[in-house]
N, C-alpha and C. Protein backbone atom coordinates (compact mmCIF):
# COMPACT_ATOMS: atom_id res chain seq x y z
N MET A 1 0.91 -1.19 0.20
CA MET A 1 0.19 0.03 -0.03
C MET A 1 0.93 1.43 -0.02
N THR A 2 0.70 2.17 -0.84
CA THR A 2 1.39 3.19 -0.96
C THR A 2 0.48 4.54 -0.53
N LEU A 3 0.73 5.49 0.22
CA LEU A 3 0.60 6.80 0.46
C LEU A 3 1.11 7.87 0.42
N ASP A 4 0.59 9.07 -0.11
CA ASP A 4 1.12 10.38 -0.20
C ASP A 4 0.34 11.16 0.95
N GLY A 5 1.03 12.05 1.60
CA GLY A 5 0.54 12.93 2.43
C GLY A 5 1.46 13.72 3.42
N GLU A 6 0.99 14.22 4.77
CA GLU A 6 1.83 14.90 5.62
C GLU A 6 1.64 14.34 6.69
N TYR A 7 2.68 14.13 7.47
CA TYR A 7 2.70 13.66 8.88
C TYR A 7 2.14 14.62 9.80
N LEU A 8 1.18 14.48 11.00
CA LEU A 8 0.76 15.12 11.86
C LEU A 8 1.81 15.09 13.02
N VAL A 9 3.10 15.69 13.02
CA VAL A 9 4.10 15.38 13.80
C VAL A 9 3.90 15.67 14.97
N GLU A 10 2.88 16.65 15.66
CA GLU A 10 2.51 17.04 17.04
C GLU A 10 1.68 15.88 17.51
N ARG A 11 1.09 15.11 16.96
CA ARG A 11 0.19 14.08 17.33
C ARG A 11 1.08 12.48 17.42
N THR A 12 2.20 12.66 17.36
CA THR A 12 2.92 11.39 17.49
C THR A 12 3.02 10.88 18.94
N LEU A 13 2.55 9.51 18.77
CA LEU A 13 2.51 8.64 20.22
C LEU A 13 3.36 7.69 19.96
N TYR A 14 3.71 6.96 21.23
CA TYR A 14 4.84 5.71 21.03
C TYR A 14 4.12 4.43 21.56
N LEU A 15 4.17 3.57 21.17
CA LEU A 15 3.82 2.18 21.61
C LEU A 15 4.80 1.68 22.43
N ASP A 16 4.60 1.48 23.86
CA ASP A 16 5.42 1.09 24.60
C ASP A 16 6.10 -0.25 24.89
N ASN A 17 7.11 -0.58 25.34
CA ASN A 17 7.45 -2.01 25.79
C ASN A 17 7.81 -2.88 24.38
N ARG A 18 8.56 -2.44 23.31
CA ARG A 18 8.84 -3.16 22.25
C ARG A 18 10.32 -3.56 22.25
N THR A 19 10.70 -4.55 21.71
CA THR A 19 12.00 -5.03 21.69
C THR A 19 12.33 -5.40 20.24
N HIS A 20 13.64 -4.86 19.82
CA HIS A 20 14.07 -5.42 18.53
C HIS A 20 15.76 -5.50 18.81
N ARG A 21 16.03 -6.79 18.21
CA ARG A 21 17.34 -7.19 18.08
C ARG A 21 18.34 -6.94 19.50
N GLY A 22 17.16 -7.21 20.49
CA GLY A 22 17.85 -7.21 22.00
C GLY A 22 17.68 -5.91 22.70
N LYS A 23 17.14 -5.04 21.87
CA LYS A 23 17.13 -3.52 22.50
C LYS A 23 15.72 -3.15 22.91
N LEU A 24 15.45 -2.38 24.14
CA LEU A 24 14.17 -2.09 24.50
C LEU A 24 13.97 -0.72 24.05
N GLY A 25 12.51 -0.79 23.58
CA GLY A 25 12.19 0.69 22.79
C GLY A 25 10.92 0.72 22.64
N VAL A 26 10.42 1.53 21.90
CA VAL A 26 8.92 1.96 21.51
C VAL A 26 8.89 1.74 20.10
N ALA A 27 7.48 1.74 19.64
CA ALA A 27 7.20 1.93 18.12
C ALA A 27 6.74 3.30 17.95
N VAL A 28 7.03 3.90 16.79
CA VAL A 28 6.65 5.32 16.47
C VAL A 28 5.35 5.32 15.78
N LEU A 29 4.27 5.85 16.43
CA LEU A 29 2.97 5.82 15.60
C LEU A 29 2.73 7.41 15.32
N THR A 30 2.53 7.71 13.99
CA THR A 30 2.43 9.11 13.63
C THR A 30 1.18 9.00 12.80
N PRO A 31 0.20 9.88 12.83
CA PRO A 31 -0.91 10.10 12.13
C PRO A 31 -0.55 10.68 10.84
N LEU A 32 -0.98 10.31 9.64
CA LEU A 32 -0.95 10.92 8.31
C LEU A 32 -2.24 11.40 7.64
N ARG A 33 -2.16 12.53 7.03
CA ARG A 33 -3.12 13.29 6.62
C ARG A 33 -3.03 13.02 5.08
N GLY A 34 -3.75 12.42 4.40
CA GLY A 34 -3.47 12.00 2.92
C GLY A 34 -3.86 12.96 2.20
N GLU A 35 -3.36 13.11 0.77
CA GLU A 35 -3.61 14.00 -0.13
C GLU A 35 -5.17 14.51 -0.42
N ASP A 36 -5.91 13.39 -0.06
CA ASP A 36 -7.31 13.38 -0.52
C ASP A 36 -8.06 13.99 0.90
N GLY A 37 -7.50 14.13 2.17
CA GLY A 37 -7.98 14.61 3.23
C GLY A 37 -8.22 13.76 4.25
N ARG A 38 -8.21 12.27 3.94
CA ARG A 38 -8.25 11.02 4.83
C ARG A 38 -7.17 10.91 5.73
N LEU A 39 -7.28 10.63 6.89
CA LEU A 39 -6.47 10.40 8.06
C LEU A 39 -6.20 8.79 8.09
N TRP A 40 -4.82 8.45 8.26
CA TRP A 40 -4.18 7.33 8.35
C TRP A 40 -3.27 7.26 9.46
N LEU A 41 -3.27 6.02 10.19
CA LEU A 41 -2.33 5.85 11.31
C LEU A 41 -1.11 5.04 10.79
N VAL A 42 0.25 5.56 11.04
CA VAL A 42 1.31 4.87 10.39
C VAL A 42 2.20 4.67 11.49
N GLU A 43 2.38 3.31 11.68
CA GLU A 43 3.27 2.71 12.64
C GLU A 43 4.86 2.55 11.94
N ARG A 44 5.72 3.62 12.37
CA ARG A 44 6.57 4.02 11.54
C ARG A 44 7.85 3.13 11.88
N GLY A 45 7.95 2.26 12.82
CA GLY A 45 9.07 1.47 13.01
C GLY A 45 9.63 1.59 14.46
N PHE A 46 10.75 0.87 14.79
CA PHE A 46 11.01 0.93 16.25
C PHE A 46 12.27 2.14 16.45
N LEU A 47 11.96 2.46 17.76
CA LEU A 47 13.02 3.59 18.11
C LEU A 47 13.57 3.16 19.45
N ALA A 48 14.96 2.91 19.46
CA ALA A 48 15.39 2.22 20.89
C ALA A 48 15.33 3.47 21.97
N THR A 49 14.92 3.09 22.93
CA THR A 49 14.94 4.33 24.35
C THR A 49 15.71 3.54 25.41
N GLY A 50 16.05 2.26 25.42
CA GLY A 50 16.58 1.76 26.73
C GLY A 50 15.44 1.60 28.02
N PRO A 51 15.93 1.55 29.20
CA PRO A 51 14.89 1.25 30.21
C PRO A 51 14.54 2.99 30.73
N ARG A 52 15.01 3.81 30.16
CA ARG A 52 14.58 5.24 30.66
C ARG A 52 12.97 5.52 30.11
N ARG A 53 12.32 6.11 31.06
CA ARG A 53 10.95 6.46 31.06
C ARG A 53 10.53 7.92 30.25
N ASP A 54 11.70 8.65 29.75
CA ASP A 54 11.53 9.88 29.33
C ASP A 54 10.79 9.82 28.06
N THR A 55 10.16 10.90 27.64
CA THR A 55 9.07 11.13 26.54
C THR A 55 10.40 10.87 25.40
N PRO A 56 9.97 9.86 24.38
CA PRO A 56 11.15 9.75 23.15
C PRO A 56 10.97 10.97 22.29
N GLU A 57 11.94 10.99 21.47
CA GLU A 57 11.74 12.03 20.49
C GLU A 57 12.12 11.53 18.99
N ALA A 58 11.06 11.24 18.39
CA ALA A 58 11.20 10.56 16.80
C ALA A 58 11.63 11.99 15.72
N ILE A 59 12.40 11.72 14.81
CA ILE A 59 12.76 12.80 13.90
C ILE A 59 11.58 12.49 12.81
N THR A 60 10.68 13.48 12.52
CA THR A 60 9.75 13.39 11.62
C THR A 60 9.96 14.31 10.49
N PRO A 61 9.78 13.80 9.14
CA PRO A 61 10.16 14.75 8.17
C PRO A 61 8.77 15.55 8.10
N ALA A 62 9.20 17.00 7.62
CA ALA A 62 7.94 17.86 7.44
C ALA A 62 7.66 17.90 6.07
N GLY A 63 6.51 18.44 5.69
CA GLY A 63 5.88 18.45 4.32
C GLY A 63 5.53 17.19 3.77
N ARG A 64 5.22 17.20 2.43
CA ARG A 64 4.59 16.12 1.73
C ARG A 64 5.68 14.79 1.83
N VAL A 65 5.15 13.67 2.05
CA VAL A 65 5.83 12.35 2.14
C VAL A 65 5.25 11.59 1.34
N ASN A 66 5.94 10.31 1.02
CA ASN A 66 5.53 9.38 0.17
C ASN A 66 6.12 8.01 0.85
N ILE A 67 5.04 7.23 1.56
CA ILE A 67 5.36 6.08 2.05
C ILE A 67 4.67 4.68 1.60
N THR A 68 5.40 3.50 1.76
CA THR A 68 4.71 2.52 1.50
C THR A 68 4.73 1.45 2.65
N GLY A 69 3.81 0.50 2.92
CA GLY A 69 3.96 -0.57 3.97
C GLY A 69 2.86 -1.42 3.87
N ARG A 70 2.44 -2.12 5.11
CA ARG A 70 1.59 -3.27 4.80
C ARG A 70 0.36 -2.80 5.85
N TRP A 71 -0.94 -3.29 5.53
CA TRP A 71 -1.79 -2.83 6.23
C TRP A 71 -2.11 -3.82 7.33
N GLN A 72 -2.59 -3.12 8.53
CA GLN A 72 -3.08 -4.25 9.59
C GLN A 72 -4.20 -3.64 10.18
N ALA A 73 -5.47 -4.53 9.91
CA ALA A 73 -6.95 -4.02 10.45
C ALA A 73 -6.93 -4.16 11.92
N ALA A 74 -7.45 -3.22 12.67
CA ALA A 74 -7.40 -3.45 13.97
C ALA A 74 -8.32 -4.44 14.36
N GLY A 75 -8.06 -5.03 15.48
CA GLY A 75 -8.90 -6.69 15.70
C GLY A 75 -8.97 -6.36 17.31
N GLU A 76 -9.54 -7.74 17.89
CA GLU A 76 -9.56 -7.84 19.35
C GLU A 76 -7.95 -7.80 19.97
N SER A 77 -8.02 -7.05 20.96
CA SER A 77 -6.72 -6.83 21.79
C SER A 77 -6.95 -7.86 23.15
N ALA A 78 -5.85 -7.81 23.69
CA ALA A 78 -5.71 -8.45 24.87
C ALA A 78 -6.41 -7.51 26.16
N PRO A 79 -6.79 -7.89 27.19
CA PRO A 79 -7.37 -7.12 28.22
C PRO A 79 -6.07 -6.06 28.91
N LEU A 80 -6.63 -4.90 29.29
CA LEU A 80 -5.52 -4.04 29.53
C LEU A 80 -6.04 -3.75 31.18
N TYR A 81 -4.91 -3.80 32.09
CA TYR A 81 -5.24 -3.74 33.49
C TYR A 81 -4.49 -2.18 33.87
N GLY A 82 -5.35 -1.18 33.67
CA GLY A 82 -4.68 -0.05 34.00
C GLY A 82 -5.00 0.87 32.82
N PRO A 83 -4.52 2.12 33.10
CA PRO A 83 -4.61 3.23 31.92
C PRO A 83 -3.74 2.70 30.44
N ASN A 84 -4.34 2.87 29.44
CA ASN A 84 -3.56 2.58 28.32
C ASN A 84 -2.49 3.75 27.90
N ARG A 85 -2.78 5.10 28.37
CA ARG A 85 -1.96 5.90 27.91
C ARG A 85 -1.14 6.62 29.17
N GLU A 86 0.30 6.65 29.26
CA GLU A 86 1.21 7.55 29.98
C GLU A 86 1.86 8.63 29.42
N GLY A 87 1.38 9.80 29.31
CA GLY A 87 2.11 10.83 28.78
C GLY A 87 1.74 10.51 27.20
N LYS A 88 3.11 10.44 26.35
CA LYS A 88 2.89 10.05 25.03
C LYS A 88 3.07 8.57 24.81
N ARG A 89 2.86 7.73 25.77
CA ARG A 89 3.23 6.47 25.75
C ARG A 89 1.77 5.40 25.87
N LEU A 90 1.83 4.60 24.81
CA LEU A 90 0.47 3.68 24.80
C LEU A 90 0.99 2.37 25.27
N GLN A 91 0.23 1.75 25.93
CA GLN A 91 0.35 0.25 26.10
C GLN A 91 -0.13 -0.72 24.98
N ARG A 92 -1.11 -0.28 24.27
CA ARG A 92 -1.59 -0.84 23.00
C ARG A 92 -2.15 0.21 22.13
N ILE A 93 -2.41 -0.34 20.81
CA ILE A 93 -2.60 0.62 19.81
C ILE A 93 -4.18 0.93 20.19
N ASP A 94 -4.54 1.95 20.23
CA ASP A 94 -6.29 2.22 20.47
C ASP A 94 -6.50 3.55 19.70
N LEU A 95 -7.16 3.53 18.38
CA LEU A 95 -7.31 4.70 17.59
C LEU A 95 -8.03 6.06 18.26
N THR A 96 -8.70 5.42 19.39
CA THR A 96 -9.40 6.74 20.32
C THR A 96 -8.25 7.41 20.92
N ALA A 97 -7.09 7.27 20.91
CA ALA A 97 -5.95 8.07 21.61
C ALA A 97 -5.64 9.40 20.53
N TRP A 98 -6.10 9.21 19.40
CA TRP A 98 -5.94 10.27 18.17
C TRP A 98 -7.49 10.93 17.88
N GLN A 99 -8.52 10.77 18.88
CA GLN A 99 -9.79 11.12 18.53
C GLN A 99 -9.98 12.92 18.24
N GLU A 100 -9.04 13.60 18.85
CA GLU A 100 -9.03 14.99 18.62
C GLU A 100 -8.51 15.48 17.36
N VAL A 101 -7.85 14.51 16.52
CA VAL A 101 -7.34 14.76 15.28
C VAL A 101 -8.58 14.45 14.29
N GLY A 102 -9.61 13.50 14.49
CA GLY A 102 -10.53 13.17 13.51
C GLY A 102 -10.77 11.88 13.35
N THR A 103 -11.59 11.48 12.49
CA THR A 103 -11.66 9.90 12.29
C THR A 103 -10.88 9.36 10.99
N PHE A 104 -10.24 8.36 11.54
CA PHE A 104 -9.32 7.30 10.68
C PHE A 104 -10.10 7.02 9.43
N ALA A 105 -9.55 6.93 8.29
CA ALA A 105 -9.93 6.45 6.98
C ALA A 105 -10.65 4.94 7.37
N HIS A 106 -9.83 4.14 7.87
CA HIS A 106 -10.03 2.91 8.22
C HIS A 106 -9.61 2.41 9.73
N ASP A 107 -10.33 1.51 10.38
CA ASP A 107 -9.86 0.83 11.58
C ASP A 107 -8.69 0.36 11.31
N GLY A 108 -7.56 0.50 11.67
CA GLY A 108 -6.32 -0.22 11.64
C GLY A 108 -4.98 0.92 11.30
N TRP A 109 -3.85 0.15 10.95
CA TRP A 109 -2.84 0.87 10.86
C TRP A 109 -1.95 0.69 9.88
N LEU A 110 -1.00 1.38 9.14
CA LEU A 110 -0.02 0.88 8.18
C LEU A 110 1.35 0.60 8.80
N HIS A 111 1.98 -0.49 8.83
CA HIS A 111 3.19 -0.83 9.18
C HIS A 111 4.22 -0.37 7.93
N LEU A 112 5.02 0.91 8.45
CA LEU A 112 5.77 1.44 7.39
C LEU A 112 7.07 0.49 6.86
N ASP A 113 7.08 0.17 5.74
CA ASP A 113 8.11 -0.49 5.16
C ASP A 113 9.41 0.20 4.44
N GLY A 114 8.74 1.28 4.13
CA GLY A 114 9.73 2.20 3.08
C GLY A 114 9.23 3.58 3.04
N GLY A 115 9.99 4.57 2.72
CA GLY A 115 9.63 5.96 2.40
C GLY A 115 9.95 6.92 3.61
N ASP A 116 9.57 8.12 3.47
CA ASP A 116 10.00 9.19 4.28
C ASP A 116 9.74 8.82 5.79
N GLY A 117 10.58 9.23 6.80
CA GLY A 117 10.12 8.90 8.18
C GLY A 117 10.13 7.52 8.87
N ALA A 118 10.88 6.51 7.88
CA ALA A 118 10.86 5.12 8.40
C ALA A 118 11.97 4.93 9.41
N TYR A 119 11.67 3.96 10.68
CA TYR A 119 12.58 3.57 11.36
C TYR A 119 12.63 2.02 11.26
N PRO A 120 13.63 1.23 11.78
CA PRO A 120 13.67 -0.03 11.59
C PRO A 120 12.37 -0.85 11.89
N ALA A 121 12.01 -1.75 10.95
CA ALA A 121 10.76 -2.51 11.26
C ALA A 121 11.02 -3.33 12.33
N TRP A 122 10.13 -3.56 13.34
CA TRP A 122 10.05 -4.64 14.38
C TRP A 122 9.06 -5.46 14.26
N TRP A 123 8.10 -5.19 13.48
CA TRP A 123 7.05 -6.07 13.40
C TRP A 123 6.94 -7.13 11.93
N ARG A 124 6.60 -8.12 12.28
CA ARG A 124 6.57 -9.03 11.08
C ARG A 124 5.33 -9.91 11.16
N PRO A 125 4.70 -9.89 10.17
CA PRO A 125 3.20 -10.78 10.62
C PRO A 125 3.50 -12.00 10.83
N SER A 126 2.41 -12.68 11.46
CA SER A 126 2.49 -14.00 11.95
C SER A 126 1.78 -14.77 11.21
N VAL A 127 2.40 -15.56 10.21
CA VAL A 127 1.76 -16.18 9.27
C VAL A 127 2.20 -17.65 9.23
N MET A 128 1.17 -18.44 9.72
CA MET A 128 1.71 -19.98 9.77
C MET A 128 1.13 -20.46 8.42
N PRO A 129 2.07 -21.47 8.02
CA PRO A 129 1.56 -22.12 6.74
C PRO A 129 0.70 -23.39 6.82
N PRO A 130 -0.20 -23.54 5.84
CA PRO A 130 -1.01 -24.44 6.03
C PRO A 130 -0.71 -25.63 6.50
N SER A 131 0.57 -26.24 6.17
CA SER A 131 1.00 -27.52 6.68
C SER A 131 1.07 -27.46 8.20
N ARG A 132 1.30 -26.29 8.78
CA ARG A 132 1.37 -26.28 10.38
C ARG A 132 0.06 -26.40 10.82
N HIS A 133 -1.04 -25.94 10.20
CA HIS A 133 -2.45 -26.13 10.77
C HIS A 133 -2.69 -27.69 10.46
N LEU A 134 -2.30 -28.26 9.46
CA LEU A 134 -2.54 -29.64 9.24
C LEU A 134 -2.09 -30.65 10.20
N GLY A 135 -0.84 -30.00 10.74
CA GLY A 135 0.13 -31.07 11.54
C GLY A 135 -0.78 -30.82 13.11
N TYR A 136 -1.21 -29.57 13.31
CA TYR A 136 -1.81 -29.72 14.72
C TYR A 136 -3.20 -30.18 14.48
N ALA A 137 -3.84 -30.37 13.50
CA ALA A 137 -5.14 -31.01 13.25
C ALA A 137 -4.86 -32.46 13.52
N VAL A 138 -3.84 -33.07 12.84
CA VAL A 138 -3.24 -34.60 12.97
C VAL A 138 -3.14 -35.01 14.47
N GLN A 139 -2.31 -34.07 15.05
CA GLN A 139 -1.90 -34.08 16.43
C GLN A 139 -2.86 -34.13 17.43
N TRP A 140 -3.96 -33.22 17.44
CA TRP A 140 -5.15 -33.05 18.33
C TRP A 140 -6.11 -34.45 17.75
N TRP A 141 -6.37 -35.02 16.61
CA TRP A 141 -7.21 -36.14 16.36
C TRP A 141 -6.37 -37.43 16.92
N GLY A 142 -5.16 -37.55 16.71
CA GLY A 142 -4.17 -38.56 17.36
C GLY A 142 -4.67 -38.67 18.83
N LEU A 143 -4.41 -37.43 19.62
CA LEU A 143 -4.93 -37.66 21.14
C LEU A 143 -6.11 -37.75 21.35
N ALA A 144 -7.11 -37.35 20.43
CA ALA A 144 -8.76 -37.84 20.80
C ALA A 144 -8.79 -39.31 20.70
N LEU A 145 -8.07 -39.67 19.74
CA LEU A 145 -8.35 -41.29 19.42
C LEU A 145 -7.56 -41.99 20.61
N ALA A 146 -6.40 -41.61 20.96
CA ALA A 146 -5.79 -42.35 22.26
C ALA A 146 -6.60 -42.07 23.48
N ALA A 147 -7.26 -41.05 23.66
CA ALA A 147 -8.05 -40.91 24.69
C ALA A 147 -9.21 -41.83 24.80
N LEU A 148 -9.88 -41.87 23.48
CA LEU A 148 -11.07 -42.94 23.55
C LEU A 148 -10.67 -44.27 23.61
N ALA A 149 -9.38 -44.48 23.12
CA ALA A 149 -8.90 -46.00 23.30
C ALA A 149 -8.66 -46.13 24.75
N VAL A 150 -8.12 -45.38 25.61
CA VAL A 150 -7.85 -45.57 27.00
C VAL A 150 -9.25 -45.84 27.59
N MET A 151 -10.32 -45.10 27.43
CA MET A 151 -11.59 -45.24 27.86
C MET A 151 -12.27 -46.42 27.40
N VAL A 152 -12.23 -46.92 26.38
CA VAL A 152 -12.69 -48.19 26.05
C VAL A 152 -11.85 -49.45 26.62
N VAL A 153 -10.80 -49.34 26.60
CA VAL A 153 -9.84 -50.48 27.16
C VAL A 153 -10.06 -50.50 28.91
N GLY A 154 -10.13 -49.29 29.36
CA GLY A 154 -10.43 -49.12 31.02
C GLY A 154 -11.93 -49.41 31.27
N GLY A 155 -12.74 -49.10 30.27
CA GLY A 155 -14.07 -49.43 30.66
C GLY A 155 -14.41 -51.17 30.99
N ARG A 156 -13.55 -51.86 29.93
CA ARG A 156 -13.88 -52.97 29.60
C ARG A 156 -13.23 -53.77 30.74
N ARG A 157 -12.03 -53.47 30.99
CA ARG A 157 -11.27 -53.96 32.46
C ARG A 157 -12.18 -53.67 33.63
N SER A 158 -12.67 -52.59 33.52
CA SER A 158 -13.41 -52.13 34.85
C SER A 158 -14.93 -53.12 34.84
N GLY A 159 -15.33 -53.38 33.83
CA GLY A 159 -16.72 -54.10 33.64
C GLY A 159 -16.26 -55.72 34.01
N ASP A 160 -15.05 -56.14 33.34
CA ASP A 160 -14.68 -57.53 33.60
C ASP A 160 -14.51 -57.73 35.15
N SER A 161 -13.67 -56.89 35.85
CA SER A 161 -13.39 -57.05 37.44
C SER A 161 -14.89 -57.05 38.03
N ARG A 162 -15.74 -56.04 37.59
CA ARG A 162 -17.00 -56.13 38.36
C ARG A 162 -17.85 -57.41 38.20
N ARG A 163 -17.70 -58.03 37.01
CA ARG A 163 -18.36 -59.38 36.77
C ARG A 163 -17.90 -60.26 37.77
N ARG A 164 -16.38 -60.26 37.91
CA ARG A 164 -15.89 -61.25 38.68
C ARG A 164 -16.30 -61.33 40.20
N ASP A 165 -16.24 -59.94 40.57
CA ASP A 165 -16.49 -59.72 41.99
C ASP A 165 -17.94 -59.92 42.20
N ASP A 166 -18.74 -59.94 41.37
CA ASP A 166 -20.31 -60.09 41.35
C ASP A 166 -20.26 -61.86 41.52
N ARG A 167 -19.85 -62.31 40.63
CA ARG A 167 -19.72 -63.92 40.71
C ARG A 167 -19.12 -64.44 41.97
N GLY A 168 -18.04 -63.79 42.28
CA GLY A 168 -17.24 -64.08 43.52
C GLY A 168 -18.55 -64.17 44.72
N ALA A 169 -19.16 -62.95 44.66
CA ALA A 169 -20.01 -62.69 45.84
C ALA A 169 -21.07 -63.62 45.85
N GLN A 170 -21.59 -63.99 44.63
CA GLN A 170 -22.98 -64.92 44.34
C GLN A 170 -22.30 -66.36 44.80
N GLU A 171 -21.20 -66.65 44.55
CA GLU A 171 -20.56 -68.05 45.03
C GLU A 171 -20.50 -67.91 46.51
N GLY A 172 -19.87 -67.00 47.08
CA GLY A 172 -19.74 -66.88 48.58
C GLY A 172 -21.13 -66.96 49.21
N HIS A 173 -22.16 -66.48 48.70
CA HIS A 173 -23.36 -66.31 49.34
C HIS A 173 -24.05 -67.76 49.32
N ALA A 174 -23.83 -68.43 47.97
CA ALA A 174 -24.24 -69.89 47.96
C ALA A 174 -23.48 -70.77 49.03
N GLU A 175 -22.23 -70.54 49.18
CA GLU A 175 -21.38 -71.33 50.04
C GLU A 175 -22.07 -71.21 51.63
N ILE A 176 -22.50 -69.84 51.76
CA ILE A 176 -22.82 -69.62 53.28
C ILE A 176 -24.33 -69.97 53.48
N GLU A 177 -25.15 -70.23 52.31
CA GLU A 177 -26.64 -70.62 52.41
C GLU A 177 -26.25 -72.23 52.63
N LYS A 178 -25.35 -73.09 51.90
CA LYS A 178 -25.07 -74.43 52.14
C LYS A 178 -24.81 -74.55 53.64
N GLU A 179 -24.03 -73.76 53.99
CA GLU A 179 -23.53 -74.17 55.21
C GLU A 179 -24.66 -73.79 56.26
N GLY A 180 -25.25 -72.82 56.12
CA GLY A 180 -26.47 -72.73 57.10
C GLY A 180 -27.77 -73.83 56.95
N GLU A 181 -27.67 -74.16 55.70
CA GLU A 181 -28.39 -75.58 55.76
C GLU A 181 -28.02 -76.65 56.50
N CYS A 182 -26.84 -76.91 56.28
CA CYS A 182 -26.20 -78.11 57.10
C CYS A 182 -26.29 -78.04 58.51
N ARG A 183 -26.28 -77.03 59.12
CA ARG A 183 -26.33 -76.47 60.52
C ARG A 183 -27.84 -76.65 60.90
N ASN A 184 -28.70 -76.55 60.04
CA ASN A 184 -29.87 -76.52 60.61
C ASN A 184 -30.43 -78.05 60.46
N ARG A 185 -29.96 -78.80 59.95
CA ARG A 185 -30.40 -80.06 59.67
C ARG A 185 -29.99 -80.89 60.99
């Protein structure tokens, strides 16, 4: 996806607690006003900060920019225990953090791959090949069959032992009755 427009520099926020190549930092999040007037959120890449909690300062080009990247639609996110925003740092991307700017063209953001204002990419899409899904399916079906086999074999053995116990109890009762008859004569 390619966009032309102007970064809204003063609206840059930072996605906290990111790591890239063993370094701690933030992801730079800057809204971009497209040439058609629509608003887009751009995840520009990784900025190393170390363990400091100071407000990071990303260098953002002024004026018209041309960028390319991969689109990620906003989806369900994990629960958040506490406030999402601390100064200019966010714990997770929430488009309402930029509500004073206006409404975004779409729910989601562009992961910048190249163009003006790009930092090193820290995000990679998590794509599992179909063979991995098939492997998991076979594994779970195998476990289900093994559990079924254990239940069937265990049930048979339990039934056999109950029948033996019942026969033994009946034989014991018969012997007691015979002894009782012998004594009564």
